[in-house]
N, C-alpha and C. Protein backbone atom coordinates (compact mmCIF):
# COMPACT_ATOMS: atom_id res chain seq x y z
N UNK A 1 109.38 115.38 83.80
CA UNK A 1 110.58 114.96 84.40
C UNK A 1 111.34 113.72 84.11
N UNK A 2 112.14 113.89 83.51
CA UNK A 2 112.59 112.86 83.02
C UNK A 2 113.48 111.40 83.94
N UNK A 3 113.13 110.00 84.31
CA UNK A 3 114.15 109.42 85.45
C UNK A 3 114.64 107.96 83.98
N UNK A 4 115.59 107.85 84.59
CA UNK A 4 116.26 106.11 84.28
C UNK A 4 116.83 105.52 85.20
N UNK A 5 116.12 104.63 84.78
CA UNK A 5 116.55 103.53 85.90
C UNK A 5 117.57 102.79 85.68
N UNK A 6 118.42 102.84 87.21
CA UNK A 6 119.82 101.82 86.92
C UNK A 6 119.34 100.42 88.07
N UNK A 7 118.92 99.10 86.93
CA UNK A 7 118.94 98.53 87.98
C UNK A 7 120.63 97.44 88.26
N UNK A 8 120.76 97.46 89.36
CA UNK A 8 122.18 96.71 89.09
C UNK A 8 121.43 95.41 90.17
N UNK A 9 122.64 94.10 89.80
CA UNK A 9 121.89 92.68 90.32
C UNK A 9 122.27 91.18 89.53
N UNK A 10 122.54 90.79 90.32
CA UNK A 10 122.95 89.10 89.21
C UNK A 10 121.65 88.47 89.81
N UNK A 11 121.15 89.35 90.92
CA UNK A 11 120.01 87.87 91.52
C UNK A 11 118.27 88.67 90.47
N UNK A 12 117.30 87.65 91.04
CA UNK A 12 116.54 88.92 90.67
C UNK A 12 115.46 89.33 92.27
N UNK A 13 116.09 88.71 93.43
CA UNK A 13 115.87 89.51 94.84
C UNK A 13 116.71 91.21 94.78
N UNK A 14 118.13 90.77 94.42
CA UNK A 14 118.88 92.54 93.70
C UNK A 14 118.28 93.35 92.87
N UNK A 15 117.94 92.44 92.01
CA UNK A 15 116.93 93.65 90.87
C UNK A 15 116.07 94.23 91.85
N UNK A 16 114.44 93.28 92.20
CA UNK A 16 114.44 93.56 93.17
C UNK A 16 113.95 95.01 94.15
N UNK A 17 115.30 94.49 95.41
CA UNK A 17 115.86 95.94 96.21
C UNK A 17 116.09 96.77 95.68
N UNK A 18 116.71 96.28 94.61
CA UNK A 18 117.17 97.64 93.01
C UNK A 18 116.57 98.41 93.04
N UNK A 19 115.19 98.05 92.15
CA UNK A 19 113.86 98.88 91.89
C UNK A 19 113.24 99.89 92.48
N UNK A 20 113.19 99.02 93.60
CA UNK A 20 112.10 98.88 94.54
C UNK A 20 111.73 100.74 95.45
N UNK A 21 113.28 100.99 95.24
CA UNK A 21 112.97 103.19 96.00
C UNK A 21 113.47 103.76 94.58
N UNK A 22 113.45 103.24 93.32
CA UNK A 22 113.04 104.14 92.48
C UNK A 22 112.04 104.19 91.90
N UNK A 23 111.20 102.39 92.30
CA UNK A 23 109.53 102.81 91.99
C UNK A 23 109.17 104.05 93.21
N UNK A 24 109.68 103.90 94.82
CA UNK A 24 108.72 104.40 95.71
C UNK A 24 109.05 106.70 94.51
N UNK A 25 110.62 106.43 94.64
CA UNK A 25 110.50 107.48 93.94
C UNK A 25 110.19 108.46 93.01
N UNK A 26 109.58 107.17 91.56
CA UNK A 26 108.17 107.79 90.92
C UNK A 26 107.47 108.06 91.56
N UNK A 27 106.82 107.35 92.35
CA UNK A 27 105.09 107.61 92.00
C UNK A 27 104.78 108.23 93.23
N UNK A 28 105.87 108.14 94.80
CA UNK A 28 105.30 109.64 95.50
C UNK A 28 104.59 111.00 95.51
N UNK A 29 105.29 111.43 94.80
CA UNK A 29 104.43 112.89 94.71
C UNK A 29 103.81 112.91 93.28
N UNK A 30 103.24 111.16 92.51
CA UNK A 30 102.35 111.19 91.78
C UNK A 30 100.83 110.89 92.36
N UNK A 31 99.38 112.12 92.57
CA UNK A 31 98.29 111.45 92.35
C UNK A 31 97.76 109.90 91.74
N UNK A 32 98.06 110.36 90.49
CA UNK A 32 97.10 110.47 89.05
C UNK A 32 97.54 108.62 89.41
N UNK A 33 96.60 107.46 89.80
CA UNK A 33 97.39 105.55 89.54
C UNK A 33 97.54 105.94 88.19
N UNK A 34 96.83 106.51 86.68
CA UNK A 34 97.70 105.76 85.25
C UNK A 34 98.51 106.15 85.04
N UNK A 35 99.13 107.67 85.71
CA UNK A 35 100.38 107.58 85.17
C UNK A 35 101.04 107.00 85.97
N UNK A 36 100.64 106.26 86.88
CA UNK A 36 101.60 105.90 88.14
C UNK A 36 102.10 104.73 87.92
N UNK A 37 100.59 103.31 87.53
CA UNK A 37 100.85 102.23 86.17
C UNK A 37 101.71 102.71 85.47
N UNK A 38 101.44 103.68 84.16
CA UNK A 38 102.46 103.94 83.24
C UNK A 38 104.06 103.59 83.11
N UNK A 39 104.88 104.22 84.24
CA UNK A 39 105.50 104.14 85.21
C UNK A 39 106.26 102.88 85.20
N UNK A 40 105.04 102.70 86.36
CA UNK A 40 105.59 101.34 87.12
C UNK A 40 105.59 99.87 86.05
N UNK A 41 105.18 100.02 84.96
CA UNK A 41 104.76 98.76 84.10
C UNK A 41 106.01 98.98 83.20
N UNK A 42 106.39 99.72 82.67
CA UNK A 42 107.91 100.54 82.25
C UNK A 42 108.64 100.02 82.85
N UNK A 43 109.17 99.95 84.31
CA UNK A 43 110.28 99.78 85.11
C UNK A 43 110.45 98.31 85.35
N UNK A 44 109.43 98.15 85.61
CA UNK A 44 109.21 96.17 85.30
C UNK A 44 110.09 95.06 84.29
N UNK A 45 108.96 95.41 83.35
CA UNK A 45 109.09 95.54 81.92
C UNK A 45 111.10 95.18 81.45
N UNK A 46 110.92 96.78 81.74
CA UNK A 46 112.79 96.94 81.23
C UNK A 46 113.64 96.81 82.48
N UNK A 47 112.98 96.52 83.28
CA UNK A 47 114.11 95.61 84.50
C UNK A 47 114.41 94.45 84.54
N UNK A 48 113.63 93.76 83.47
CA UNK A 48 112.91 91.84 84.36
C UNK A 48 113.14 91.39 82.49
N UNK A 49 113.13 92.56 81.00
CA UNK A 49 113.44 91.88 80.03
C UNK A 49 111.62 90.57 79.72
N UNK A 50 110.52 91.31 80.56
CA UNK A 50 110.25 90.59 80.35
C UNK A 50 108.69 90.39 79.21
N UNK A 51 108.05 89.16 78.99
CA UNK A 51 106.98 89.92 77.51
C UNK A 51 105.59 90.32 77.61
N UNK A 52 105.36 90.45 78.40
CA UNK A 52 103.37 91.32 78.69
C UNK A 52 104.07 92.15 80.27
N UNK A 53 103.43 93.60 80.24
CA UNK A 53 103.66 93.75 81.38
C UNK A 53 102.90 94.90 82.30
N UNK A 54 101.81 94.91 82.76
CA UNK A 54 100.98 95.85 82.17
C UNK A 54 99.39 95.83 83.78
N UNK A 55 98.49 96.59 83.16
CA UNK A 55 97.42 96.10 83.64
C UNK A 55 96.07 96.90 83.82
N UNK A 56 95.18 95.67 84.65
CA UNK A 56 94.16 96.06 83.88
C UNK A 56 92.73 97.10 84.98
N UNK A 57 92.62 97.91 84.97
CA UNK A 57 91.09 98.71 85.73
C UNK A 57 90.14 97.30 85.59
N UNK A 58 89.41 97.24 87.05
CA UNK A 58 88.25 96.97 87.23
C UNK A 58 86.71 97.77 86.60
N UNK A 59 86.10 97.83 85.74
CA UNK A 59 85.17 98.32 85.46
C UNK A 59 83.96 97.89 85.82
N UNK A 60 83.24 97.98 86.50
CA UNK A 60 81.76 97.45 85.90
C UNK A 60 82.28 96.24 86.10
N UNK A 61 82.89 95.35 86.86
CA UNK A 61 83.01 94.34 87.42
C UNK A 61 83.52 93.65 86.12
N UNK A 62 84.12 94.11 84.94
CA UNK A 62 84.94 93.37 84.39
C UNK A 62 86.94 94.04 84.17
N UNK A 63 87.65 93.23 83.86
CA UNK A 63 88.66 93.76 84.02
C UNK A 63 89.22 94.03 82.30
N UNK A 64 89.79 96.02 82.88
CA UNK A 64 89.50 96.21 81.43
C UNK A 64 90.96 96.95 81.11
N UNK A 65 91.41 96.74 80.00
CA UNK A 65 93.12 96.81 80.06
C UNK A 65 93.76 98.62 80.23
N UNK A 66 94.64 99.05 81.52
CA UNK A 66 94.93 100.24 80.66
C UNK A 66 96.73 100.40 80.94
N UNK A 67 97.67 101.19 81.48
CA UNK A 67 98.84 101.09 80.91
C UNK A 67 99.56 99.70 81.14
N UNK A 68 100.20 99.31 79.64
CA UNK A 68 101.04 97.98 79.73
C UNK A 68 102.22 98.59 78.28
N UNK A 69 103.80 97.56 78.24
CA UNK A 69 104.32 97.48 77.79
C UNK A 69 104.02 95.71 77.36
N UNK A 70 104.86 95.89 75.71
CA UNK A 70 104.57 95.05 75.28
C UNK A 70 104.02 94.46 73.92
N UNK A 71 102.87 93.78 73.03
CA UNK A 71 102.88 93.62 72.58
C UNK A 71 100.57 93.59 72.98
N UNK A 72 99.54 93.93 71.32
CA UNK A 72 98.76 93.63 71.27
C UNK A 72 97.66 92.64 72.90
N UNK A 73 96.94 93.47 73.47
CA UNK A 73 96.96 92.39 74.57
C UNK A 73 95.13 92.44 74.57
N UNK A 74 94.62 91.90 75.72
CA UNK A 74 93.57 91.81 75.19
C UNK A 74 92.99 92.72 76.36
N UNK A 75 91.39 93.87 75.65
CA UNK A 75 91.52 94.84 75.85
C UNK A 75 90.16 94.60 77.21
N UNK A 76 89.21 93.61 77.45
CA UNK A 76 88.58 93.18 79.11
C UNK A 76 88.16 91.64 78.77
N UNK A 77 87.94 91.78 79.49
CA UNK A 77 88.27 90.46 80.53
C UNK A 77 87.13 90.00 81.93
N UNK A 78 86.78 89.43 81.27
CA UNK A 78 85.32 88.70 82.53
C UNK A 78 85.69 88.79 84.46
N UNK A 79 84.97 89.06 84.44
CA UNK A 79 85.88 88.27 86.52
C UNK A 79 86.15 86.93 86.40
N UNK A 80 86.70 86.08 87.09
CA UNK A 80 86.82 84.90 86.81
C UNK A 80 87.04 83.94 85.98
N UNK A 81 87.66 84.95 84.65
CA UNK A 81 88.07 84.18 83.14
C UNK A 81 89.79 83.80 83.58
N UNK A 82 90.24 83.99 82.88
CA UNK A 82 91.71 83.70 83.37
C UNK A 82 92.29 83.28 83.51
N UNK A 83 93.68 83.99 83.88
CA UNK A 83 94.31 84.29 85.53
C UNK A 83 94.18 84.80 85.54
N UNK A 84 94.19 86.69 84.87
CA UNK A 84 93.94 88.03 85.56
C UNK A 84 92.63 87.54 86.00
N UNK A 85 91.29 86.81 85.44
CA UNK A 85 89.96 87.32 86.29
C UNK A 85 89.81 86.25 87.43
N UNK A 86 90.58 85.18 87.38
CA UNK A 86 90.52 84.43 88.16
C UNK A 86 90.99 85.09 89.40
N UNK A 87 91.99 85.14 89.22
CA UNK A 87 93.14 87.10 90.39
C UNK A 87 92.19 87.03 91.33
N UNK A 88 90.78 88.12 89.94
CA UNK A 88 90.74 89.11 90.57
C UNK A 88 89.21 88.47 91.19
N UNK A 89 88.88 87.76 91.21
CA UNK A 89 87.22 87.16 91.86
C UNK A 89 87.84 86.41 92.82
N UNK A 90 89.40 86.21 93.17
CA UNK A 90 89.86 85.09 94.11
C UNK A 90 90.44 86.35 95.32
N UNK A 91 90.69 87.66 94.87
CA UNK A 91 91.37 88.47 96.08
C UNK A 91 92.40 87.84 96.01
N UNK A 92 93.52 87.07 95.06
CA UNK A 92 94.98 86.44 95.44
C UNK A 92 95.93 86.71 94.25
N UNK A 93 97.13 87.18 94.53
CA UNK A 93 98.43 86.37 93.68
C UNK A 93 98.08 84.99 92.82
N UNK A 94 97.76 84.61 91.60
CA UNK A 94 98.77 84.57 91.22
C UNK A 94 99.70 83.44 90.41
N UNK A 95 99.78 82.60 90.18
CA UNK A 95 101.30 82.07 89.81
C UNK A 95 101.05 80.89 88.82
N UNK A 96 101.39 81.07 87.42
CA UNK A 96 101.20 80.11 86.78
C UNK A 96 102.40 80.02 86.19
N UNK A 97 102.89 78.73 86.46
CA UNK A 97 104.05 77.90 85.87
C UNK A 97 104.27 77.86 84.04
N UNK A 98 102.59 77.14 83.54
CA UNK A 98 103.22 76.57 82.35
C UNK A 98 101.75 77.49 82.45
N UNK A 99 101.08 78.21 81.41
CA UNK A 99 99.84 79.25 81.25
C UNK A 99 98.87 77.59 80.16
N UNK A 100 99.94 76.09 80.07
CA UNK A 100 99.13 75.91 79.22
C UNK A 100 98.72 74.81 79.67
N UNK A 101 98.73 74.11 80.79
CA UNK A 101 97.48 73.64 81.64
C UNK A 101 96.90 74.38 82.54
N UNK A 102 97.27 75.65 82.93
CA UNK A 102 95.42 76.69 83.31
C UNK A 102 94.02 76.71 82.38
N UNK A 103 93.40 75.96 83.20
CA UNK A 103 92.36 75.33 82.70
C UNK A 103 91.66 77.33 82.28
N UNK A 104 91.42 77.45 81.18
CA UNK A 104 90.97 79.22 81.13
C UNK A 104 91.73 80.18 80.70
N UNK A 105 93.06 79.63 80.65
CA UNK A 105 93.71 80.66 80.34
C UNK A 105 93.69 80.81 78.60
N UNK A 106 94.11 82.40 78.28
CA UNK A 106 93.00 83.11 77.85
C UNK A 106 94.62 83.73 77.27
N UNK A 107 94.39 83.47 75.80
CA UNK A 107 95.66 83.25 75.25
C UNK A 107 95.87 84.57 74.38
N UNK A 108 96.30 85.82 74.89
CA UNK A 108 97.10 86.50 74.51
C UNK A 108 97.81 86.83 73.59
N UNK A 109 99.01 85.82 73.57
CA UNK A 109 100.25 86.18 72.54
C UNK A 109 100.15 84.42 73.19
N UNK A 110 100.55 83.86 71.46
CA UNK A 110 101.35 82.75 72.47
C UNK A 110 102.77 82.46 72.76
N UNK A 111 103.62 83.28 72.84
CA UNK A 111 104.40 82.85 73.12
C UNK A 111 104.53 83.06 74.53
N UNK A 112 103.15 82.77 75.57
CA UNK A 112 103.26 83.37 77.21
C UNK A 112 103.79 82.26 77.18
N UNK A 113 104.78 81.86 78.38
CA UNK A 113 104.90 80.05 79.14
C UNK A 113 104.73 80.10 80.26
N UNK A 114 104.50 81.55 80.97
CA UNK A 114 104.07 80.90 82.52
C UNK A 114 103.76 82.95 82.29
N UNK A 115 103.13 83.21 84.39
CA UNK A 115 102.55 84.14 84.62
C UNK A 115 101.95 84.41 86.02
N UNK A 116 102.24 85.34 86.03
CA UNK A 116 101.96 85.84 87.74
C UNK A 116 100.85 87.55 87.60
N UNK A 117 99.60 87.15 88.38
CA UNK A 117 99.04 88.32 88.32
C UNK A 117 98.65 89.01 90.01
N UNK A 118 98.53 90.65 90.29
CA UNK A 118 98.62 90.37 92.19
C UNK A 118 97.09 91.54 91.74
N UNK A 119 96.70 91.28 91.99
CA UNK A 119 95.21 92.59 92.91
C UNK A 119 95.69 93.31 93.87
N UNK A 120 94.95 94.44 92.97
CA UNK A 120 95.71 95.55 94.10
C UNK A 120 94.04 95.63 94.08
N UNK A 121 94.11 96.29 94.92
CA UNK A 121 92.71 96.97 96.95
C UNK A 121 93.43 98.24 97.34
N UNK A 122 92.03 98.44 97.52
CA UNK A 122 91.70 100.49 97.52
C UNK A 122 90.41 99.87 98.36
N UNK A 123 90.41 100.09 99.76
CA UNK A 123 89.23 99.83 100.81
C UNK A 123 88.29 98.67 100.84
N UNK A 124 89.83 98.08 100.99
CA UNK A 124 89.22 96.29 101.33
C UNK A 124 88.69 96.09 99.24
N UNK A 125 88.78 96.76 98.13
CA UNK A 125 88.23 95.91 97.14
C UNK A 125 89.43 95.65 96.30
N UNK A 126 89.08 95.10 95.56
CA UNK A 126 90.17 94.74 94.19
C UNK A 126 90.04 96.08 93.36
N UNK A 127 91.01 97.00 92.71
CA UNK A 127 90.60 97.92 92.10
C UNK A 127 91.35 97.71 90.19
N UNK A 128 92.60 96.64 90.38
CA UNK A 128 92.86 96.41 89.07
C UNK A 128 93.77 94.84 90.17
N UNK A 129 94.13 95.24 88.51
CA UNK A 129 95.46 93.38 88.52
C UNK A 129 97.18 94.29 87.86
N UNK A 130 97.71 94.00 87.93
CA UNK A 130 99.07 93.82 87.34
C UNK A 130 99.40 91.96 86.95
N UNK A 131 99.63 92.42 85.44
CA UNK A 131 99.18 90.81 84.91
C UNK A 131 101.08 91.22 84.24
N UNK A 132 101.80 90.39 84.37
CA UNK A 132 103.50 89.84 83.56
C UNK A 132 102.78 88.52 83.01
N UNK A 133 103.69 88.78 82.40
CA UNK A 133 103.75 87.14 81.00
C UNK A 133 105.14 87.23 81.07
N UNK A 134 105.85 85.80 80.42
CA UNK A 134 107.11 85.54 80.18
C UNK A 134 107.49 84.70 79.14
N UNK A 135 107.71 84.64 78.31
CA UNK A 135 108.79 83.50 77.85
C UNK A 135 109.29 82.27 78.60
N UNK A 136 108.88 82.01 79.25
CA UNK A 136 109.12 81.81 79.70
C UNK A 136 109.38 80.34 80.56
N UNK A 137 108.52 79.12 80.93
CA UNK A 137 108.00 78.70 82.38
C UNK A 137 108.52 78.63 83.13
N UNK A 138 107.46 78.53 84.88
CA UNK A 138 108.90 78.96 85.87
C UNK A 138 109.62 79.91 86.33
N UNK A 139 108.38 80.69 85.62
CA UNK A 139 109.37 82.08 85.63
C UNK A 139 109.83 82.84 86.82
N UNK A 140 108.37 82.32 87.22
CA UNK A 140 107.34 83.34 88.28
C UNK A 140 107.71 82.89 90.29
N UNK A 141 108.29 83.00 90.48
CA UNK A 141 107.80 82.48 92.31
C UNK A 141 107.51 83.71 93.39
N UNK A 142 108.31 82.87 94.17
CA UNK A 142 107.73 84.26 95.93
C UNK A 142 108.38 85.25 96.00
N UNK A 143 109.86 85.38 94.79
CA UNK A 143 110.47 86.70 95.89
C UNK A 143 109.03 87.45 94.40
N UNK A 144 109.31 86.60 93.74
CA UNK A 144 108.42 88.59 92.67
C UNK A 144 107.14 88.26 93.46
N UNK A 145 106.59 87.52 94.09
CA UNK A 145 105.23 87.45 94.93
C UNK A 145 105.48 89.10 95.96
N UNK A 146 106.43 88.67 96.89
CA UNK A 146 106.48 89.49 97.37
C UNK A 146 106.99 90.69 97.30
N UNK A 147 107.92 91.01 95.92
CA UNK A 147 108.19 92.38 95.22
C UNK A 147 107.07 93.05 94.91
N UNK A 148 105.85 92.09 94.06
CA UNK A 148 105.81 92.91 92.99
C UNK A 148 103.80 93.18 94.01
N UNK A 149 103.71 92.54 94.65
CA UNK A 149 102.81 92.70 95.79
C UNK A 149 102.94 94.55 96.74
N UNK A 150 104.02 94.65 97.19
CA UNK A 150 104.96 95.97 97.96
C UNK A 150 105.00 96.85 96.66
N UNK A 151 104.47 96.80 95.63
CA UNK A 151 104.89 97.81 94.11
C UNK A 151 104.21 97.80 94.06
N UNK A 152 102.97 96.59 94.84
CA UNK A 152 101.10 97.10 93.85
C UNK A 152 100.67 98.40 94.86
N UNK A 153 101.35 97.59 96.03
CA UNK A 153 100.55 98.80 97.43
C UNK A 153 101.38 99.72 97.29
N UNK A 154 102.02 100.40 97.13
CA UNK A 154 103.09 101.42 96.41
C UNK A 154 102.91 102.30 95.84
N UNK A 155 101.90 102.18 95.22
CA UNK A 155 101.61 102.74 94.19
C UNK A 155 100.18 103.38 94.17
N UNK A 156 99.75 103.14 95.02
CA UNK A 156 97.52 103.06 95.51
C UNK A 156 98.40 103.63 96.54
């Protein structure tokens, strides 16, 4: 089945409000988390025109690259390293306004200026993270946090 997303809205909030029901429609009948991660990464990436949008899953206490949209990415990230590893370790969403000011930032792309990482939980354990990078400083805020956490819960 082919899906097309049509997201209207002038504001970030309006775009998320219009995107969310479409995400639910795509993931509701699919149990495979990799298929859902692939579609959600694409939907977010093209709705917001992010630099990089993707998922890392937890494998033996490391984060391992899975579905994504964007350029070449880091394949494996240790727990506690970079923004992704820190979000995994702290079990909390991380919003970084300027990645160059984040001690230990892993620069997969020199174009990345700001980042948000949302941990995904199953049975109270982090099983994956959603990682999104932007070419602009201060791209992400509480609106992104709220909606991206909601989207991540819908996938699993």
